[in-house]
């Protein structure tokens, strides 16, 4: 069964890389440039997985995740953060929320391992 994935990142190069990796593996991928766009899309369509950056303009990944889970608690374990941040605040958030994350730069195999491990909705 095909998996539907939403990629949220403000950097076109990162979005493009992730989309390229996922589409070549047969996944259906939508993109958003910030948390606000991503939240709107997540409210309108059901995704098997949402891959998000943490630091973005308009709405960052932390606020996106908090609002998403308030409205759709079932999505709590369906978010993967990809971050280049090594600041304490971000890691405290990730650990407290108990979400999956990969640090940039990430390996394609690590990304696909997480995506492959998510069940379709």
PDB file of N, CA and C in Angstrom:
ATOM      1  N   UNK A   1       0.836  -1.181   0.000  1.00  0.00           N
ATOM      2  CA  UNK A   1       0.000   0.000   0.000  1.00  0.00           C
ATOM      3  C   UNK A   1       0.884   1.249   0.000  1.00  0.00           C
ATOM      4  N   UNK A   2       0.524   2.218  -0.788  1.00  0.00           N
ATOM      5  CA  UNK A   2       1.296   3.455  -0.932  1.00  0.00           C
ATOM      6  C   UNK A   2       1.198   4.312   0.333  1.00  0.00           C
ATOM      7  N   UNK A   3       2.318   4.897   0.731  1.00  0.00           N
ATOM      8  CA  UNK A   3       2.341   5.782   1.891  1.00  0.00           C
ATOM      9  C   UNK A   3       2.297   7.229   1.433  1.00  0.00           C
ATOM     10  N   UNK A   4       1.551   8.037   2.190  1.00  0.00           N
ATOM     11  CA  UNK A   4       1.416   9.465   1.916  1.00  0.00           C
ATOM     12  C   UNK A   4       2.189  10.244   2.960  1.00  0.00           C
ATOM     13  N   UNK A   5       3.118  11.070   2.485  1.00  0.00           N
ATOM     14  CA  UNK A   5       4.048  11.765   3.370  1.00  0.00           C
ATOM     15  C   UNK A   5       4.004  13.261   3.082  1.00  0.00           C
ATOM     16  N   UNK A   6       4.046  14.041   4.154  1.00  0.00           N
ATOM     17  CA  UNK A   6       4.139  15.491   4.050  1.00  0.00           C
ATOM     18  C   UNK A   6       5.525  15.903   4.509  1.00  0.00           C
ATOM     19  N   UNK A   7       6.227  16.686   3.690  1.00  0.00           N
ATOM     20  CA  UNK A   7       7.555  17.194   4.023  1.00  0.00           C
ATOM     21  C   UNK A   7       7.434  18.697   4.260  1.00  0.00           C
ATOM     22  N   UNK A   8       7.856  19.140   5.455  1.00  0.00           N
ATOM     23  CA  UNK A   8       7.791  20.556   5.809  1.00  0.00           C
ATOM     24  C   UNK A   8       9.208  21.059   6.081  1.00  0.00           C
ATOM     25  N   UNK A   9       9.677  21.965   5.240  1.00  0.00           N
ATOM     26  CA  UNK A   9      11.001  22.565   5.428  1.00  0.00           C
ATOM     27  C   UNK A   9      11.046  23.865   4.644  1.00  0.00           C
ATOM     28  N   UNK A  10      11.665  24.879   5.226  1.00  0.00           N
ATOM     29  CA  UNK A  10      11.734  26.176   4.556  1.00  0.00           C
ATOM     30  C   UNK A  10      12.840  26.248   3.509  1.00  0.00           C
ATOM     31  N   UNK A  11      13.761  25.315   3.529  1.00  0.00           N
ATOM     32  CA  UNK A  11      14.875  25.335   2.579  1.00  0.00           C
ATOM     33  C   UNK A  11      14.566  24.461   1.356  1.00  0.00           C
ATOM     34  N   UNK A  12      14.479  25.078   0.172  1.00  0.00           N
ATOM     35  CA  UNK A  12      14.154  24.314  -1.036  1.00  0.00           C
ATOM     36  C   UNK A  12      15.104  23.138  -1.295  1.00  0.00           C
ATOM     37  N   UNK A  13      16.380  23.307  -1.012  1.00  0.00           N
ATOM     38  CA  UNK A  13      17.346  22.229  -1.267  1.00  0.00           C
ATOM     39  C   UNK A  13      17.060  21.004  -0.393  1.00  0.00           C
ATOM     40  N   UNK A  14      16.725  21.233   0.866  1.00  0.00           N
ATOM     41  CA  UNK A  14      16.427  20.120   1.781  1.00  0.00           C
ATOM     42  C   UNK A  14      15.109  19.453   1.370  1.00  0.00           C
ATOM     43  N   UNK A  15      14.084  20.282   1.099  1.00  0.00           N
ATOM     44  CA  UNK A  15      12.799  19.724   0.641  1.00  0.00           C
ATOM     45  C   UNK A  15      13.016  18.874  -0.604  1.00  0.00           C
ATOM     46  N   UNK A  16      13.764  19.422  -1.560  1.00  0.00           N
ATOM     47  CA  UNK A  16      14.010  18.711  -2.810  1.00  0.00           C
ATOM     48  C   UNK A  16      14.726  17.391  -2.607  1.00  0.00           C
ATOM     49  N   UNK A  17      15.712  17.392  -1.737  1.00  0.00           N
ATOM     50  CA  UNK A  17      16.460  16.164  -1.448  1.00  0.00           C
ATOM     51  C   UNK A  17      15.545  15.094  -0.862  1.00  0.00           C
ATOM     52  N   UNK A  18      14.774  15.479   0.149  1.00  0.00           N
ATOM     53  CA  UNK A  18      13.882  14.509   0.803  1.00  0.00           C
ATOM     54  C   UNK A  18      12.823  14.007  -0.170  1.00  0.00           C
ATOM     55  N   UNK A  19      12.233  14.911  -0.927  1.00  0.00           N
ATOM     56  CA  UNK A  19      11.213  14.521  -1.905  1.00  0.00           C
ATOM     57  C   UNK A  19      11.807  13.568  -2.935  1.00  0.00           C
ATOM     58  N   UNK A  20      13.002  13.864  -3.411  1.00  0.00           N
ATOM     59  CA  UNK A  20      13.658  13.002  -4.395  1.00  0.00           C
ATOM     60  C   UNK A  20      13.883  11.595  -3.839  1.00  0.00           C
ATOM     61  N   UNK A  21      14.383  11.519  -2.624  1.00  0.00           N
ATOM     62  CA  UNK A  21      14.624  10.213  -1.988  1.00  0.00           C
ATOM     63  C   UNK A  21      13.318   9.427  -1.882  1.00  0.00           C
ATOM     64  N   UNK A  22      12.265  10.100  -1.410  1.00  0.00           N
ATOM     65  CA  UNK A  22      11.003   9.405  -1.153  1.00  0.00           C
ATOM     66  C   UNK A  22      10.249   9.025  -2.426  1.00  0.00           C
ATOM     67  N   UNK A  23      10.230   9.917  -3.397  1.00  0.00           N
ATOM     68  CA  UNK A  23       9.484   9.608  -4.621  1.00  0.00           C
ATOM     69  C   UNK A  23      10.151   8.497  -5.428  1.00  0.00           C
ATOM     70  N   UNK A  24      11.478   8.420  -5.392  1.00  0.00           N
ATOM     71  CA  UNK A  24      12.150   7.327  -6.108  1.00  0.00           C
ATOM     72  C   UNK A  24      11.847   5.976  -5.464  1.00  0.00           C
ATOM     73  N   UNK A  25      11.408   6.003  -4.192  1.00  0.00           N
ATOM     74  CA  UNK A  25      11.023   4.770  -3.502  1.00  0.00           C
ATOM     75  C   UNK A  25       9.529   4.479  -3.634  1.00  0.00           C
ATOM     76  N   UNK A  26       8.814   5.340  -4.381  1.00  0.00           N
ATOM     77  CA  UNK A  26       7.403   5.101  -4.642  1.00  0.00           C
ATOM     78  C   UNK A  26       6.430   5.744  -3.672  1.00  0.00           C
ATOM     79  N   UNK A  27       6.923   6.594  -2.784  1.00  0.00           N
ATOM     80  CA  UNK A  27       6.035   7.267  -1.840  1.00  0.00           C
ATOM     81  C   UNK A  27       5.379   8.482  -2.494  1.00  0.00           C
ATOM     82  N   UNK A  28       4.174   8.781  -2.079  1.00  0.00           N
ATOM     83  CA  UNK A  28       3.440   9.970  -2.513  1.00  0.00           C
ATOM     84  C   UNK A  28       3.806  11.094  -1.547  1.00  0.00           C
ATOM     85  N   UNK A  29       4.302  12.227  -2.067  1.00  0.00           N
ATOM     86  CA  UNK A  29       4.832  13.284  -1.209  1.00  0.00           C
ATOM     87  C   UNK A  29       4.219  14.641  -1.533  1.00  0.00           C
ATOM     88  N   UNK A  30       3.776  15.330  -0.480  1.00  0.00           N
ATOM     89  CA  UNK A  30       3.353  16.728  -0.584  1.00  0.00           C
ATOM     90  C   UNK A  30       4.376  17.562   0.171  1.00  0.00           C
ATOM     91  N   UNK A  31       4.479  18.854  -0.170  1.00  0.00           N
ATOM     92  CA  UNK A  31       5.451  19.717   0.493  1.00  0.00           C
ATOM     93  C   UNK A  31       4.798  20.984   1.041  1.00  0.00           C
ATOM     94  N   UNK A  32       5.406  21.485   2.115  1.00  0.00           N
ATOM     95  CA  UNK A  32       5.010  22.757   2.715  1.00  0.00           C
ATOM     96  C   UNK A  32       6.289  23.501   3.087  1.00  0.00           C
ATOM     97  N   UNK A  33       6.226  24.846   3.035  1.00  0.00           N
ATOM     98  CA  UNK A  33       7.413  25.669   3.295  1.00  0.00           C
ATOM     99  C   UNK A  33       7.570  26.100   4.743  1.00  0.00           C
ATOM    100  N   UNK A  34       6.535  25.883   5.558  1.00  0.00           N
ATOM    101  CA  UNK A  34       6.617  26.239   6.979  1.00  0.00           C
ATOM    102  C   UNK A  34       5.528  25.493   7.734  1.00  0.00           C
ATOM    103  N   UNK A  35       5.575  25.615   9.055  1.00  0.00           N
ATOM    104  CA  UNK A  35       4.624  24.892   9.891  1.00  0.00           C
ATOM    105  C   UNK A  35       3.181  25.277   9.662  1.00  0.00           C
ATOM    106  N   UNK A  36       2.928  26.545   9.358  1.00  0.00           N
ATOM    107  CA  UNK A  36       1.560  27.002   9.115  1.00  0.00           C
ATOM    108  C   UNK A  36       0.972  26.316   7.883  1.00  0.00           C
ATOM    109  N   UNK A  37       1.737  26.291   6.784  1.00  0.00           N
ATOM    110  CA  UNK A  37       1.278  25.587   5.584  1.00  0.00           C
ATOM    111  C   UNK A  37       1.094  24.102   5.871  1.00  0.00           C
ATOM    112  N   UNK A  38       2.045  23.543   6.586  1.00  0.00           N
ATOM    113  CA  UNK A  38       1.988  22.117   6.908  1.00  0.00           C
ATOM    114  C   UNK A  38       0.787  21.763   7.764  1.00  0.00           C
ATOM    115  N   UNK A  39       0.475  22.610   8.722  1.00  0.00           N
ATOM    116  CA  UNK A  39      -0.662  22.364   9.602  1.00  0.00           C
ATOM    117  C   UNK A  39      -1.964  22.377   8.808  1.00  0.00           C
ATOM    118  N   UNK A  40      -2.099  23.351   7.928  1.00  0.00           N
ATOM    119  CA  UNK A  40      -3.297  23.437   7.091  1.00  0.00           C
ATOM    120  C   UNK A  40      -3.437  22.169   6.248  1.00  0.00           C
ATOM    121  N   UNK A  41      -2.333  21.729   5.658  1.00  0.00           N
ATOM    122  CA  UNK A  41      -2.375  20.527   4.824  1.00  0.00           C
ATOM    123  C   UNK A  41      -2.694  19.283   5.649  1.00  0.00           C
ATOM    124  N   UNK A  42      -2.133  19.199   6.853  1.00  0.00           N
ATOM    125  CA  UNK A  42      -2.364  18.041   7.721  1.00  0.00           C
ATOM    126  C   UNK A  42      -3.816  17.989   8.199  1.00  0.00           C
ATOM    127  N   UNK A  43      -4.456  19.136   8.318  1.00  0.00           N
ATOM    128  CA  UNK A  43      -5.872  19.183   8.700  1.00  0.00           C
ATOM    129  C   UNK A  43      -6.772  18.763   7.541  1.00  0.00           C
ATOM    130  N   UNK A  44      -6.305  18.965   6.313  1.00  0.00           N
ATOM    131  CA  UNK A  44      -7.115  18.680   5.133  1.00  0.00           C
ATOM    132  C   UNK A  44      -6.922  17.267   4.583  1.00  0.00           C
ATOM    133  N   UNK A  45      -5.768  16.664   4.854  1.00  0.00           N
ATOM    134  CA  UNK A  45      -5.454  15.355   4.288  1.00  0.00           C
ATOM    135  C   UNK A  45      -4.794  14.501   5.357  1.00  0.00           C
ATOM    136  N   UNK A  46      -5.063  13.220   5.328  1.00  0.00           N
ATOM    137  CA  UNK A  46      -4.475  12.323   6.315  1.00  0.00           C
ATOM    138  C   UNK A  46      -3.166  11.752   5.764  1.00  0.00           C
ATOM    139  N   UNK A  47      -2.079  11.992   6.491  1.00  0.00           N
ATOM    140  CA  UNK A  47      -0.758  11.517   6.078  1.00  0.00           C
ATOM    141  C   UNK A  47      -0.316  10.359   6.960  1.00  0.00           C
ATOM    142  N   UNK A  48       0.424   9.445   6.343  1.00  0.00           N
ATOM    143  CA  UNK A  48       0.995   8.345   7.108  1.00  0.00           C
ATOM    144  C   UNK A  48       2.180   8.822   7.939  1.00  0.00           C
ATOM    145  N   UNK A  49       2.887   9.844   7.421  1.00  0.00           N
ATOM    146  CA  UNK A  49       4.054  10.383   8.110  1.00  0.00           C
ATOM    147  C   UNK A  49       4.235  11.838   7.712  1.00  0.00           C
ATOM    148  N   UNK A  50       4.655  12.638   8.680  1.00  0.00           N
ATOM    149  CA  UNK A  50       5.004  14.035   8.415  1.00  0.00           C
ATOM    150  C   UNK A  50       6.463  14.208   8.811  1.00  0.00           C
ATOM    151  N   UNK A  51       7.269  14.683   7.873  1.00  0.00           N
ATOM    152  CA  UNK A  51       8.691  14.950   8.113  1.00  0.00           C
ATOM    153  C   UNK A  51       8.844  16.467   8.182  1.00  0.00           C
ATOM    154  N   UNK A  52       9.376  16.970   9.293  1.00  0.00           N
ATOM    155  CA  UNK A  52       9.431  18.407   9.490  1.00  0.00           C
ATOM    156  C   UNK A  52      10.777  18.863  10.041  1.00  0.00           C
ATOM    157  N   UNK A  53      11.172  20.055   9.610  1.00  0.00           N
ATOM    158  CA  UNK A  53      12.299  20.763  10.200  1.00  0.00           C
ATOM    159  C   UNK A  53      11.812  21.364  11.518  1.00  0.00           C
ATOM    160  N   UNK A  54      12.723  21.815  12.370  1.00  0.00           N
ATOM    161  CA  UNK A  54      12.322  22.489  13.606  1.00  0.00           C
ATOM    162  C   UNK A  54      12.317  24.001  13.413  1.00  0.00           C
ATOM    163  N   UNK A  55      13.424  24.565  12.932  1.00  0.00           N
ATOM    164  CA  UNK A  55      13.510  26.016  12.761  1.00  0.00           C
ATOM    165  C   UNK A  55      13.024  26.425  11.385  1.00  0.00           C
ATOM    166  N   UNK A  56      11.880  27.134  11.380  1.00  0.00           N
ATOM    167  CA  UNK A  56      11.294  27.631  10.140  1.00  0.00           C
ATOM    168  C   UNK A  56      10.613  28.963  10.437  1.00  0.00           C
ATOM    169  N   UNK A  57      10.464  29.792   9.409  1.00  0.00           N
ATOM    170  CA  UNK A  57       9.727  31.040   9.602  1.00  0.00           C
ATOM    171  C   UNK A  57       8.219  30.777   9.701  1.00  0.00           C
ATOM    172  N   UNK A  58       7.480  31.761  10.072  1.00  0.00           N
ATOM    173  CA  UNK A  58       6.018  31.764  10.185  1.00  0.00           C
ATOM    174  C   UNK A  58       5.551  30.903  11.355  1.00  0.00           C
ATOM    175  N   UNK A  59       5.814  29.603  11.314  1.00  0.00           N
ATOM    176  CA  UNK A  59       5.514  28.690  12.422  1.00  0.00           C
ATOM    177  C   UNK A  59       6.591  27.620  12.443  1.00  0.00           C
ATOM    178  N   UNK A  60       7.284  27.507  13.572  1.00  0.00           N
ATOM    179  CA  UNK A  60       8.359  26.516  13.645  1.00  0.00           C
ATOM    180  C   UNK A  60       7.796  25.112  13.880  1.00  0.00           C
ATOM    181  N   UNK A  61       8.683  24.135  13.841  1.00  0.00           N
ATOM    182  CA  UNK A  61       8.278  22.749  13.985  1.00  0.00           C
ATOM    183  C   UNK A  61       7.694  22.414  15.340  1.00  0.00           C
ATOM    184  N   UNK A  62       8.184  23.056  16.393  1.00  0.00           N
ATOM    185  CA  UNK A  62       7.667  22.791  17.738  1.00  0.00           C
ATOM    186  C   UNK A  62       6.211  23.231  17.848  1.00  0.00           C
ATOM    187  N   UNK A  63       5.917  24.439  17.375  1.00  0.00           N
ATOM    188  CA  UNK A  63       4.538  24.932  17.435  1.00  0.00           C
ATOM    189  C   UNK A  63       3.639  24.100  16.523  1.00  0.00           C
ATOM    190  N   UNK A  64       4.145  23.748  15.339  1.00  0.00           N
ATOM    191  CA  UNK A  64       3.396  22.892  14.421  1.00  0.00           C
ATOM    192  C   UNK A  64       3.007  21.585  15.110  1.00  0.00           C
ATOM    193  N   UNK A  65       3.989  20.934  15.724  1.00  0.00           N
ATOM    194  CA  UNK A  65       3.757  19.637  16.362  1.00  0.00           C
ATOM    195  C   UNK A  65       2.740  19.760  17.500  1.00  0.00           C
ATOM    196  N   UNK A  66       2.897  20.784  18.326  1.00  0.00           N
ATOM    197  CA  UNK A  66       1.999  20.984  19.459  1.00  0.00           C
ATOM    198  C   UNK A  66       0.556  21.158  18.982  1.00  0.00           C
ATOM    199  N   UNK A  67       0.352  21.994  17.969  1.00  0.00           N
ATOM    200  CA  UNK A  67      -1.007  22.234  17.452  1.00  0.00           C
ATOM    201  C   UNK A  67      -1.564  20.998  16.754  1.00  0.00           C
ATOM    202  N   UNK A  68      -0.724  20.293  16.026  1.00  0.00           N
ATOM    203  CA  UNK A  68      -1.169  19.082  15.335  1.00  0.00           C
ATOM    204  C   UNK A  68      -1.661  18.040  16.329  1.00  0.00           C
ATOM    205  N   UNK A  69      -0.881  17.788  17.366  1.00  0.00           N
ATOM    206  CA  UNK A  69      -1.213  16.734  18.322  1.00  0.00           C
ATOM    207  C   UNK A  69      -2.419  17.113  19.187  1.00  0.00           C
ATOM    208  N   UNK A  70      -2.611  18.413  19.434  1.00  0.00           N
ATOM    209  CA  UNK A  70      -3.800  18.852  20.170  1.00  0.00           C
ATOM    210  C   UNK A  70      -5.064  18.472  19.402  1.00  0.00           C
ATOM    211  N   UNK A  71      -5.031  18.651  18.110  1.00  0.00           N
ATOM    212  CA  UNK A  71      -6.211  18.399  17.276  1.00  0.00           C
ATOM    213  C   UNK A  71      -6.296  16.947  16.813  1.00  0.00           C
ATOM    214  N   UNK A  72      -5.150  16.328  16.607  1.00  0.00           N
ATOM    215  CA  UNK A  72      -5.121  14.951  16.094  1.00  0.00           C
ATOM    216  C   UNK A  72      -4.096  14.127  16.880  1.00  0.00           C
ATOM    217  N   UNK A  73      -4.456  13.698  18.105  1.00  0.00           N
ATOM    218  CA  UNK A  73      -3.504  12.953  18.946  1.00  0.00           C
ATOM    219  C   UNK A  73      -2.940  11.701  18.281  1.00  0.00           C
ATOM    220  N   UNK A  74      -3.679  11.117  17.346  1.00  0.00           N
ATOM    221  CA  UNK A  74      -3.206   9.909  16.664  1.00  0.00           C
ATOM    222  C   UNK A  74      -1.957  10.172  15.820  1.00  0.00           C
ATOM    223  N   UNK A  75      -1.657  11.430  15.535  1.00  0.00           N
ATOM    224  CA  UNK A  75      -0.484  11.774  14.727  1.00  0.00           C
ATOM    225  C   UNK A  75       0.799  11.870  15.558  1.00  0.00           C
ATOM    226  N   UNK A  76       0.678  11.731  16.866  1.00  0.00           N
ATOM    227  CA  UNK A  76       1.825  11.922  17.763  1.00  0.00           C
ATOM    228  C   UNK A  76       3.058  11.111  17.340  1.00  0.00           C
ATOM    229  N   UNK A  77       2.862   9.884  16.962  1.00  0.00           N
ATOM    230  CA  UNK A  77       3.987   9.025  16.563  1.00  0.00           C
ATOM    231  C   UNK A  77       4.197   8.981  15.054  1.00  0.00           C
ATOM    232  N   UNK A  78       3.563   9.898  14.332  1.00  0.00           N
ATOM    233  CA  UNK A  78       3.676   9.928  12.874  1.00  0.00           C
ATOM    234  C   UNK A  78       4.408  11.176  12.397  1.00  0.00           C
ATOM    235  N   UNK A  79       5.250  11.723  13.266  1.00  0.00           N
ATOM    236  CA  UNK A  79       6.048  12.892  12.905  1.00  0.00           C
ATOM    237  C   UNK A  79       7.515  12.532  13.091  1.00  0.00           C
ATOM    238  N   UNK A  80       8.309  12.876  12.093  1.00  0.00           N
ATOM    239  CA  UNK A  80       9.757  12.712  12.140  1.00  0.00           C
ATOM    240  C   UNK A  80      10.367  14.091  11.943  1.00  0.00           C
ATOM    241  N   UNK A  81      11.180  14.511  12.901  1.00  0.00           N
ATOM    242  CA  UNK A  81      11.884  15.775  12.747  1.00  0.00           C
ATOM    243  C   UNK A  81      13.257  15.525  12.170  1.00  0.00           C
ATOM    244  N   UNK A  82      13.637  16.379  11.230  1.00  0.00           N
ATOM    245  CA  UNK A  82      14.994  16.383  10.699  1.00  0.00           C
ATOM    246  C   UNK A  82      15.544  17.760  11.031  1.00  0.00           C
ATOM    247  N   UNK A  83      16.621  17.776  11.805  1.00  0.00           N
ATOM    248  CA  UNK A  83      17.097  19.062  12.296  1.00  0.00           C
ATOM    249  C   UNK A  83      18.611  19.192  12.227  1.00  0.00           C
ATOM    250  N   UNK A  84      19.031  20.398  11.968  1.00  0.00           N
ATOM    251  CA  UNK A  84      20.455  20.724  12.007  1.00  0.00           C
ATOM    252  C   UNK A  84      20.806  21.402  13.318  1.00  0.00           C
ATOM    253  N   UNK A  85      19.800  21.573  14.167  1.00  0.00           N
ATOM    254  CA  UNK A  85      20.012  22.238  15.459  1.00  0.00           C
ATOM    255  C   UNK A  85      20.655  21.289  16.451  1.00  0.00           C
ATOM    256  N   UNK A  86      21.614  21.811  17.150  1.00  0.00           N
ATOM    257  CA  UNK A  86      22.171  21.024  18.242  1.00  0.00           C
ATOM    258  C   UNK A  86      22.009  21.782  19.556  1.00  0.00           C
ATOM    259  N   UNK A  87      21.036  22.707  19.570  1.00  0.00           N
ATOM    260  CA  UNK A  87      20.824  23.483  20.784  1.00  0.00           C
ATOM    261  C   UNK A  87      20.022  22.678  21.806  1.00  0.00           C
ATOM    262  N   UNK A  88      20.251  22.978  23.040  1.00  0.00           N
ATOM    263  CA  UNK A  88      19.644  22.265  24.163  1.00  0.00           C
ATOM    264  C   UNK A  88      18.121  22.324  24.129  1.00  0.00           C
ATOM    265  N   UNK A  89      17.572  23.487  23.801  1.00  0.00           N
ATOM    266  CA  UNK A  89      16.114  23.652  23.790  1.00  0.00           C
ATOM    267  C   UNK A  89      15.445  22.697  22.806  1.00  0.00           C
ATOM    268  N   UNK A  90      16.023  22.562  21.622  1.00  0.00           N
ATOM    269  CA  UNK A  90      15.442  21.662  20.619  1.00  0.00           C
ATOM    270  C   UNK A  90      15.487  20.214  21.087  1.00  0.00           C
ATOM    271  N   UNK A  91      16.609  19.789  21.637  1.00  0.00           N
ATOM    272  CA  UNK A  91      16.717  18.405  22.086  1.00  0.00           C
ATOM    273  C   UNK A  91      15.838  18.124  23.293  1.00  0.00           C
ATOM    274  N   UNK A  92      15.656  19.100  24.169  1.00  0.00           N
ATOM    275  CA  UNK A  92      14.718  18.933  25.281  1.00  0.00           C
ATOM    276  C   UNK A  92      13.303  18.731  24.740  1.00  0.00           C
ATOM    277  N   UNK A  93      12.925  19.543  23.759  1.00  0.00           N
ATOM    278  CA  UNK A  93      11.606  19.397  23.139  1.00  0.00           C
ATOM    279  C   UNK A  93      11.451  18.010  22.520  1.00  0.00           C
ATOM    280  N   UNK A  94      12.418  17.587  21.713  1.00  0.00           N
ATOM    281  CA  UNK A  94      12.336  16.300  21.027  1.00  0.00           C
ATOM    282  C   UNK A  94      12.232  15.144  22.019  1.00  0.00           C
ATOM    283  N   UNK A  95      13.031  15.201  23.068  1.00  0.00           N
ATOM    284  CA  UNK A  95      13.002  14.130  24.059  1.00  0.00           C
ATOM    285  C   UNK A  95      11.716  14.144  24.882  1.00  0.00           C
ATOM    286  N   UNK A  96      11.267  15.326  25.279  1.00  0.00           N
ATOM    287  CA  UNK A  96      10.026  15.431  26.054  1.00  0.00           C
ATOM    288  C   UNK A  96       8.826  14.954  25.236  1.00  0.00           C
ATOM    289  N   UNK A  97       8.783  15.342  23.964  1.00  0.00           N
ATOM    290  CA  UNK A  97       7.675  14.944  23.090  1.00  0.00           C
ATOM    291  C   UNK A  97       7.760  13.465  22.718  1.00  0.00           C
ATOM    292  N   UNK A  98       8.948  12.892  22.805  1.00  0.00           N
ATOM    293  CA  UNK A  98       9.124  11.483  22.461  1.00  0.00           C
ATOM    294  C   UNK A  98       8.981  11.201  20.979  1.00  0.00           C
ATOM    295  N   UNK A  99       9.352  12.178  20.158  1.00  0.00           N
ATOM    296  CA  UNK A  99       9.227  12.009  18.709  1.00  0.00           C
ATOM    297  C   UNK A  99      10.540  11.520  18.102  1.00  0.00           C
ATOM    298  N   UNK A 100      10.410  10.938  16.940  1.00  0.00           N
ATOM    299  CA  UNK A 100      11.581  10.481  16.201  1.00  0.00           C
ATOM    300  C   UNK A 100      12.271  11.683  15.564  1.00  0.00           C
ATOM    301  N   UNK A 101      13.581  11.612  15.466  1.00  0.00           N
ATOM    302  CA  UNK A 101      14.299  12.669  14.758  1.00  0.00           C
ATOM    303  C   UNK A 101      15.602  12.145  14.183  1.00  0.00           C
ATOM    304  N   UNK A 102      16.029  12.818  13.134  1.00  0.00           N
ATOM    305  CA  UNK A 102      17.327  12.578  12.521  1.00  0.00           C
ATOM    306  C   UNK A 102      18.062  13.902  12.501  1.00  0.00           C
ATOM    307  N   UNK A 103      19.357  13.862  12.726  1.00  0.00           N
ATOM    308  CA  UNK A 103      20.176  15.074  12.659  1.00  0.00           C
ATOM    309  C   UNK A 103      20.736  15.238  11.258  1.00  0.00           C
ATOM    310  N   UNK A 104      20.791  16.491  10.809  1.00  0.00           N
ATOM    311  CA  UNK A 104      21.417  16.799   9.527  1.00  0.00           C
ATOM    312  C   UNK A 104      22.919  16.863   9.736  1.00  0.00           C
ATOM    313  N   UNK A 105      23.700  16.368   8.824  1.00  0.00           N
ATOM    314  CA  UNK A 105      23.286  15.618   7.642  1.00  0.00           C
ATOM    315  C   UNK A 105      22.852  14.207   8.039  1.00  0.00           C
ATOM    316  N   UNK A 106      21.861  13.689   7.358  1.00  0.00           N
ATOM    317  CA  UNK A 106      21.345  12.354   7.661  1.00  0.00           C
ATOM    318  C   UNK A 106      21.674  11.420   6.501  1.00  0.00           C
ATOM    319  N   UNK A 107      21.656  10.144   6.787  1.00  0.00           N
ATOM    320  CA  UNK A 107      21.892   9.137   5.757  1.00  0.00           C
ATOM    321  C   UNK A 107      20.561   8.746   5.134  1.00  0.00           C
ATOM    322  N   UNK A 108      20.566   8.552   3.840  1.00  0.00           N
ATOM    323  CA  UNK A 108      19.364   8.121   3.133  1.00  0.00           C
ATOM    324  C   UNK A 108      18.809   6.847   3.740  1.00  0.00           C
ATOM    325  N   UNK A 109      19.679   5.915   4.080  1.00  0.00           N
ATOM    326  CA  UNK A 109      19.228   4.644   4.651  1.00  0.00           C
ATOM    327  C   UNK A 109      18.514   4.853   5.988  1.00  0.00           C
ATOM    328  N   UNK A 110      18.978   5.810   6.796  1.00  0.00           N
ATOM    329  CA  UNK A 110      18.324   6.089   8.082  1.00  0.00           C
ATOM    330  C   UNK A 110      16.935   6.675   7.857  1.00  0.00           C
ATOM    331  N   UNK A 111      16.813   7.578   6.890  1.00  0.00           N
ATOM    332  CA  UNK A 111      15.514   8.163   6.573  1.00  0.00           C
ATOM    333  C   UNK A 111      14.547   7.076   6.106  1.00  0.00           C
ATOM    334  N   UNK A 112      14.991   6.252   5.190  1.00  0.00           N
ATOM    335  CA  UNK A 112      14.111   5.209   4.653  1.00  0.00           C
ATOM    336  C   UNK A 112      13.741   4.170   5.698  1.00  0.00           C
ATOM    337  N   UNK A 113      14.617   3.913   6.639  1.00  0.00           N
ATOM    338  CA  UNK A 113      14.318   2.965   7.718  1.00  0.00           C
ATOM    339  C   UNK A 113      13.130   3.469   8.545  1.00  0.00           C
ATOM    340  N   UNK A 114      13.124   4.754   8.861  1.00  0.00           N
ATOM    341  CA  UNK A 114      12.011   5.338   9.628  1.00  0.00           C
ATOM    342  C   UNK A 114      10.728   5.301   8.791  1.00  0.00           C
ATOM    343  N   UNK A 115      10.818   5.735   7.541  1.00  0.00           N
ATOM    344  CA  UNK A 115       9.636   5.794   6.673  1.00  0.00           C
ATOM    345  C   UNK A 115       9.068   4.398   6.459  1.00  0.00           C
ATOM    346  N   UNK A 116       9.923   3.427   6.191  1.00  0.00           N
ATOM    347  CA  UNK A 116       9.468   2.060   5.966  1.00  0.00           C
ATOM    348  C   UNK A 116       8.813   1.458   7.205  1.00  0.00           C
ATOM    349  N   UNK A 117       9.224   1.919   8.393  1.00  0.00           N
ATOM    350  CA  UNK A 117       8.695   1.394   9.647  1.00  0.00           C
ATOM    351  C   UNK A 117       7.355   1.945  10.062  1.00  0.00           C
ATOM    352  N   UNK A 118       6.843   2.926   9.332  1.00  0.00           N
ATOM    353  CA  UNK A 118       5.551   3.529   9.671  1.00  0.00           C
ATOM    354  C   UNK A 118       4.451   2.795   8.931  1.00  0.00           C
ATOM    355  N   UNK A 119       3.429   2.370   9.667  1.00  0.00           N
ATOM    356  CA  UNK A 119       2.276   1.714   9.049  1.00  0.00           C
ATOM    357  C   UNK A 119       1.415   2.738   8.328  1.00  0.00           C
ATOM    358  N   UNK A 120       0.745   2.302   7.278  1.00  0.00           N
ATOM    359  CA  UNK A 120      -0.189   3.199   6.596  1.00  0.00           C
ATOM    360  C   UNK A 120      -1.439   3.358   7.448  1.00  0.00           C
ATOM    361  N   UNK A 121      -2.071   4.497   7.288  1.00  0.00           N
ATOM    362  CA  UNK A 121      -3.289   4.783   8.060  1.00  0.00           C
ATOM    363  C   UNK A 121      -4.477   4.124   7.384  1.00  0.00           C
TER     364      UNK A 121
END
